[in-house]
Amino acid sequence: MRNQISMAASVLAILVLSACTSQSDAGVAKDATEATGEWVDLTHALGPDTIFWPTAEPYVHEKVFAGRTEAGYYYSTYNLALSEHGGTHLDAPVHFAEGRQGADQVPLKRLIGPAAVIDVTAAAARNADYQVTRADVLAWEEANGLLPEGAIVLVRTGFAKRWPDAASYLGTTLKGDAGVAALHFPGMSEEAARLLAEERDIAAVGIDTASIDYGQSQDYIAHQVILGRNIPVFENVADLSALPAAGATVVALPAKIKDGSGAPLRIVARLPAE
């Protein structure tokens, strides 16, 4: 009987997770039952128009073979080359903190947890260089209660709606060092980063822009503070508008790249049941 119960639980888990992989074009799919809510895909698809950091190599998806084989069946395979830090991706702690966890070492408990969505879209619309403040975080807590243990904090700036227009999303289409110097998009202030990393027990931080630090940052202090505490960061997260401020659950699974400083990320959220 115990084995039967265990098998039934496993089947149920598979059914729930399979809802993540059968997303509609709109990015939302019904779960196996209405009681468990809907799944929302928060991932930009990788493709020729994927936005990468100005100094990164471009995305390459090279056909090896696609067509009918001599045996008569269809077969396709491609080679893939891309930066660890392009498209929707994970920043592993070692990206800015020597000796910290690589992409293959980030524990699952930091990749699955309750979502806390801090919405700064109004401020970001007025100022492309907006930095999330300590007051923004405290205002969320005033409205929703203290950030829960293991929370995945997602910053919604509204910039995901600009994807994949690099000029609008990054503030520039320039490449190389000139491109980095011309970046303009919102990020997180040092004070907000320290509040999250040092005064709260959160699992991860994500944002719908190209970096947790704002575009004109020179010291990438939010990266230093957050990653220095072995807290992973999710960048280029897709549209967060379907998520409530609290109540959703996030599952963010990166490619398990050994010793990687980052990795492509598939991130989804389950909305709370109505």
Foldseek 3Di string as FASTA:
>chain_A
DVVVVVVVVVVLVVQQVVQCVPADPVQWGCGPDLQQFIKGWFFDDDDQLWDFAQAWDGKDWAWPDFDADPVGDTDTDTDTDTDLQIGWKKQFLCLQAPPFDALQGQDQLLQKWWEAEQEPQVVCVVFQAAADALVSQVVSCVVPNDQDAAYAYEYENPLLVVPPPCCSQQVDPHHDPVSLQRGTHYAHDLNNLCCPLPVGRYRAYEYLHSANHGSNDDPSNSSNSRSNSRRMYIYNTHDPVVADSTAKMKGKRFDNDVRHSMGRITMMIGHRRD
